[in-house]
N, C-alpha and C. Protein backbone atom coordinates (compact mmCIF):
# COMPACT_ATOMS: atom_id res chain seq x y z
N MET A 1 67.95 -3.70 -77.59
CA MET A 1 69.38 -3.75 -77.28
C MET A 1 70.04 -4.82 -78.10
N LYS A 2 71.18 -4.47 -78.61
CA LYS A 2 71.93 -5.47 -79.34
C LYS A 2 73.29 -5.63 -78.66
N GLU A 3 73.86 -6.76 -78.81
CA GLU A 3 75.17 -7.00 -78.20
C GLU A 3 76.22 -7.02 -79.31
N VAL A 4 77.40 -6.48 -78.98
CA VAL A 4 78.52 -6.43 -79.88
C VAL A 4 79.77 -6.95 -79.16
N THR A 5 80.69 -7.50 -79.93
CA THR A 5 81.91 -8.06 -79.34
C THR A 5 83.16 -7.32 -79.82
N CYS A 6 84.04 -7.01 -78.92
CA CYS A 6 85.28 -6.30 -79.26
C CYS A 6 86.16 -7.21 -80.08
N ASN A 7 86.63 -6.75 -81.23
CA ASN A 7 87.48 -7.55 -82.10
C ASN A 7 88.89 -7.70 -81.56
N LYS A 8 89.26 -6.92 -80.53
CA LYS A 8 90.59 -7.00 -79.98
C LYS A 8 90.68 -8.00 -78.78
N CYS A 9 89.73 -7.87 -77.85
CA CYS A 9 89.83 -8.70 -76.63
C CYS A 9 88.71 -9.74 -76.51
N GLY A 10 87.66 -9.62 -77.36
CA GLY A 10 86.55 -10.59 -77.32
C GLY A 10 85.50 -10.33 -76.29
N LYS A 11 85.55 -9.24 -75.53
CA LYS A 11 84.58 -8.96 -74.50
C LYS A 11 83.30 -8.39 -75.18
N VAL A 12 82.16 -8.78 -74.61
CA VAL A 12 80.85 -8.34 -75.13
C VAL A 12 80.36 -7.09 -74.44
N HIS A 13 79.71 -6.21 -75.13
CA HIS A 13 79.09 -5.02 -74.66
C HIS A 13 77.68 -4.97 -75.20
N PHE A 14 76.76 -4.19 -74.55
CA PHE A 14 75.46 -3.95 -75.14
C PHE A 14 75.47 -2.50 -75.67
N THR A 15 74.80 -2.31 -76.77
CA THR A 15 74.81 -0.99 -77.36
C THR A 15 73.82 -0.07 -76.70
N MET A 16 74.17 1.24 -76.73
CA MET A 16 73.28 2.25 -76.18
C MET A 16 73.13 3.40 -77.18
N THR A 17 72.03 4.04 -77.15
CA THR A 17 71.83 5.24 -78.00
C THR A 17 72.56 6.43 -77.38
N LEU A 18 72.78 7.44 -78.18
CA LEU A 18 73.43 8.67 -77.67
C LEU A 18 72.62 9.20 -76.48
N LYS A 19 71.33 9.23 -76.57
CA LYS A 19 70.50 9.76 -75.49
C LYS A 19 70.67 8.93 -74.20
N GLU A 20 70.74 7.64 -74.33
CA GLU A 20 70.98 6.74 -73.18
C GLU A 20 72.32 7.00 -72.55
N VAL A 21 73.36 7.16 -73.40
CA VAL A 21 74.70 7.41 -72.91
C VAL A 21 74.74 8.76 -72.15
N GLU A 22 74.15 9.76 -72.74
CA GLU A 22 74.13 11.09 -72.08
C GLU A 22 73.45 11.03 -70.72
N LYS A 23 72.36 10.25 -70.65
CA LYS A 23 71.63 10.10 -69.39
C LYS A 23 72.49 9.41 -68.32
N GLU A 24 73.21 8.36 -68.76
CA GLU A 24 74.05 7.63 -67.85
C GLU A 24 75.20 8.50 -67.35
N ILE A 25 75.80 9.29 -68.24
CA ILE A 25 76.91 10.19 -67.84
C ILE A 25 76.43 11.17 -66.82
N LYS A 26 75.25 11.75 -67.04
CA LYS A 26 74.69 12.73 -66.09
C LYS A 26 74.39 12.09 -64.76
N SER A 27 73.77 10.91 -64.80
CA SER A 27 73.42 10.23 -63.55
C SER A 27 74.68 9.80 -62.74
N PHE A 28 75.66 9.28 -63.46
CA PHE A 28 76.90 8.91 -62.78
C PHE A 28 77.58 10.13 -62.18
N GLY A 29 77.56 11.23 -62.92
CA GLY A 29 78.19 12.45 -62.46
C GLY A 29 77.59 12.96 -61.17
N LEU A 30 76.29 12.87 -61.05
CA LEU A 30 75.63 13.29 -59.83
C LEU A 30 76.05 12.45 -58.62
N MET A 31 76.13 11.17 -58.86
CA MET A 31 76.63 10.25 -57.78
C MET A 31 78.05 10.47 -57.48
N TYR A 32 78.89 10.64 -58.50
CA TYR A 32 80.32 10.78 -58.35
C TYR A 32 80.68 12.02 -57.54
N GLU A 33 79.92 13.10 -57.76
CA GLU A 33 80.18 14.36 -57.07
C GLU A 33 80.01 14.22 -55.54
N LYS A 34 79.20 13.27 -55.11
CA LYS A 34 78.96 13.10 -53.72
C LYS A 34 80.01 12.23 -53.00
N LEU A 35 80.88 11.61 -53.74
CA LEU A 35 81.91 10.72 -53.13
C LEU A 35 83.05 11.55 -52.61
N SER A 36 83.70 10.99 -51.57
CA SER A 36 84.91 11.61 -51.07
C SER A 36 86.06 11.40 -52.06
N ALA A 37 87.12 12.17 -51.92
CA ALA A 37 88.27 12.00 -52.79
C ALA A 37 88.80 10.58 -52.69
N GLU A 38 88.79 10.06 -51.54
CA GLU A 38 89.31 8.66 -51.26
C GLU A 38 88.45 7.63 -52.06
N GLN A 39 87.11 7.81 -51.98
CA GLN A 39 86.23 6.88 -52.67
C GLN A 39 86.37 7.01 -54.17
N LYS A 40 86.53 8.23 -54.69
CA LYS A 40 86.74 8.46 -56.13
C LYS A 40 87.95 7.72 -56.59
N LEU A 41 89.04 7.79 -55.83
CA LEU A 41 90.27 7.10 -56.20
C LEU A 41 90.14 5.62 -56.03
N LYS A 42 89.60 5.15 -54.97
CA LYS A 42 89.52 3.72 -54.69
C LYS A 42 88.63 2.97 -55.66
N TYR A 43 87.45 3.53 -55.98
CA TYR A 43 86.45 2.85 -56.80
C TYR A 43 86.52 3.19 -58.29
N TYR A 44 86.96 4.40 -58.62
CA TYR A 44 86.90 4.82 -60.01
C TYR A 44 88.27 5.37 -60.54
N GLY A 45 89.33 5.20 -59.76
CA GLY A 45 90.63 5.68 -60.20
C GLY A 45 90.66 7.17 -60.52
N ASN A 46 89.78 7.92 -59.78
CA ASN A 46 89.67 9.37 -59.97
C ASN A 46 89.27 9.76 -61.39
N LYS A 47 88.57 8.88 -62.06
CA LYS A 47 88.15 9.13 -63.43
C LYS A 47 86.64 9.16 -63.59
N PRO A 48 86.05 10.35 -63.71
CA PRO A 48 84.63 10.38 -63.91
C PRO A 48 84.24 9.81 -65.31
N VAL A 49 83.01 9.39 -65.42
CA VAL A 49 82.53 8.83 -66.71
C VAL A 49 82.37 9.96 -67.74
N THR A 50 82.88 9.77 -68.94
CA THR A 50 82.78 10.73 -70.02
C THR A 50 82.22 10.03 -71.25
N MET A 51 81.99 10.76 -72.32
CA MET A 51 81.57 10.16 -73.58
C MET A 51 82.61 9.18 -74.07
N GLU A 52 83.85 9.41 -73.86
CA GLU A 52 84.94 8.53 -74.26
C GLU A 52 84.77 7.14 -73.63
N THR A 53 84.28 7.12 -72.38
CA THR A 53 84.01 5.88 -71.68
C THR A 53 83.15 4.95 -72.53
N TYR A 54 82.16 5.51 -73.22
CA TYR A 54 81.23 4.76 -73.97
C TYR A 54 81.55 4.62 -75.47
N THR A 55 82.74 5.03 -75.83
CA THR A 55 83.14 4.87 -77.26
C THR A 55 84.35 3.98 -77.39
N HIS A 56 84.73 3.36 -76.28
CA HIS A 56 85.85 2.38 -76.28
C HIS A 56 85.54 1.19 -75.46
N CYS A 57 86.15 0.05 -75.79
CA CYS A 57 85.96 -1.16 -74.97
C CYS A 57 86.30 -0.87 -73.53
N TYR A 58 85.45 -1.27 -72.64
CA TYR A 58 85.65 -1.08 -71.19
C TYR A 58 86.89 -1.83 -70.71
N PHE A 59 87.23 -2.90 -71.39
CA PHE A 59 88.29 -3.81 -70.93
C PHE A 59 89.65 -3.51 -71.53
N CYS A 60 89.69 -3.20 -72.84
CA CYS A 60 91.03 -3.03 -73.51
C CYS A 60 91.20 -1.70 -74.17
N GLY A 61 90.15 -0.89 -74.25
CA GLY A 61 90.26 0.44 -74.83
C GLY A 61 90.09 0.52 -76.34
N ASN A 62 89.78 -0.57 -77.01
CA ASN A 62 89.58 -0.64 -78.43
C ASN A 62 88.41 0.28 -78.82
N ALA A 63 88.54 1.01 -79.93
CA ALA A 63 87.47 1.89 -80.44
C ALA A 63 86.22 1.10 -80.76
N HIS A 64 85.07 1.74 -80.50
CA HIS A 64 83.78 1.09 -80.76
C HIS A 64 83.50 0.84 -82.22
N SER A 65 84.33 1.44 -83.09
CA SER A 65 84.18 1.16 -84.51
C SER A 65 84.82 -0.17 -84.90
N ASN A 66 85.54 -0.77 -83.98
CA ASN A 66 86.17 -2.08 -84.24
C ASN A 66 85.51 -3.21 -83.40
N PHE A 67 84.17 -3.25 -83.49
CA PHE A 67 83.42 -4.30 -82.87
C PHE A 67 82.63 -5.01 -83.94
N ARG A 68 82.13 -6.23 -83.63
CA ARG A 68 81.29 -6.98 -84.54
C ARG A 68 80.04 -7.41 -83.80
N PRO A 69 79.00 -7.80 -84.50
CA PRO A 69 77.83 -8.34 -83.84
C PRO A 69 78.20 -9.62 -83.04
N SER A 70 77.69 -9.73 -81.85
CA SER A 70 78.03 -10.85 -80.94
C SER A 70 77.35 -12.09 -81.44
N LEU A 71 78.02 -13.22 -81.17
CA LEU A 71 77.46 -14.56 -81.34
C LEU A 71 77.01 -15.06 -79.98
N GLU A 72 76.07 -15.98 -79.96
CA GLU A 72 75.50 -16.44 -78.70
C GLU A 72 76.62 -16.91 -77.76
N GLN A 73 77.59 -17.59 -78.27
CA GLN A 73 78.65 -18.16 -77.40
C GLN A 73 79.64 -17.14 -76.92
N ASP A 74 79.58 -15.89 -77.38
CA ASP A 74 80.52 -14.88 -76.97
C ASP A 74 80.38 -14.45 -75.52
N ALA A 75 79.14 -14.53 -74.99
CA ALA A 75 78.83 -14.13 -73.57
C ALA A 75 78.13 -15.23 -72.84
N PRO A 76 78.85 -16.02 -72.06
CA PRO A 76 78.17 -17.06 -71.29
C PRO A 76 77.12 -16.53 -70.39
N ILE A 77 76.09 -17.30 -70.06
CA ILE A 77 75.03 -16.92 -69.19
C ILE A 77 75.64 -16.47 -67.84
N GLY A 78 75.20 -15.32 -67.37
CA GLY A 78 75.62 -14.76 -66.09
C GLY A 78 76.78 -13.82 -66.15
N VAL A 79 77.42 -13.67 -67.30
CA VAL A 79 78.57 -12.78 -67.45
C VAL A 79 78.09 -11.32 -67.41
N THR A 80 78.89 -10.46 -66.83
CA THR A 80 78.56 -9.00 -66.82
C THR A 80 79.07 -8.37 -68.08
N ILE A 81 78.20 -7.57 -68.70
CA ILE A 81 78.60 -6.81 -69.90
C ILE A 81 78.39 -5.35 -69.64
N CYS A 82 79.19 -4.53 -70.35
CA CYS A 82 79.14 -3.09 -70.19
C CYS A 82 78.51 -2.44 -71.42
N GLY A 83 78.04 -1.23 -71.24
CA GLY A 83 77.46 -0.48 -72.36
C GLY A 83 78.45 0.19 -73.21
N ILE A 84 78.11 0.38 -74.48
CA ILE A 84 78.95 1.13 -75.41
C ILE A 84 78.04 1.86 -76.43
N LEU A 85 78.48 2.98 -76.85
CA LEU A 85 77.68 3.78 -77.81
C LEU A 85 77.51 3.00 -79.10
N ASP A 86 76.28 2.91 -79.53
CA ASP A 86 75.98 2.23 -80.84
C ASP A 86 76.70 2.99 -81.95
N ASN A 87 77.49 2.24 -82.69
CA ASN A 87 78.30 2.83 -83.76
C ASN A 87 77.50 3.10 -85.05
N GLU A 88 76.28 2.63 -85.09
CA GLU A 88 75.50 2.80 -86.37
C GLU A 88 74.67 4.08 -86.34
């Protein structure tokens, strides 16, 4: 796993392979289908996870092609980071 930093907002993400992303989308979809309409809206804004979710910054929407390798100081210990499709 490598970490990359968004050049727009500075948030760190960990890279995922296409196969890993596809597995996550499928897994989330199975869980999402079981939620009530109220839960889908409350917790996920009525937006299921798609491939686009993993090709843009989770925080600002910047394209994954506009990321750089992370530096150690980009993500303090204990910070939560999200996955993004590896652009390489």
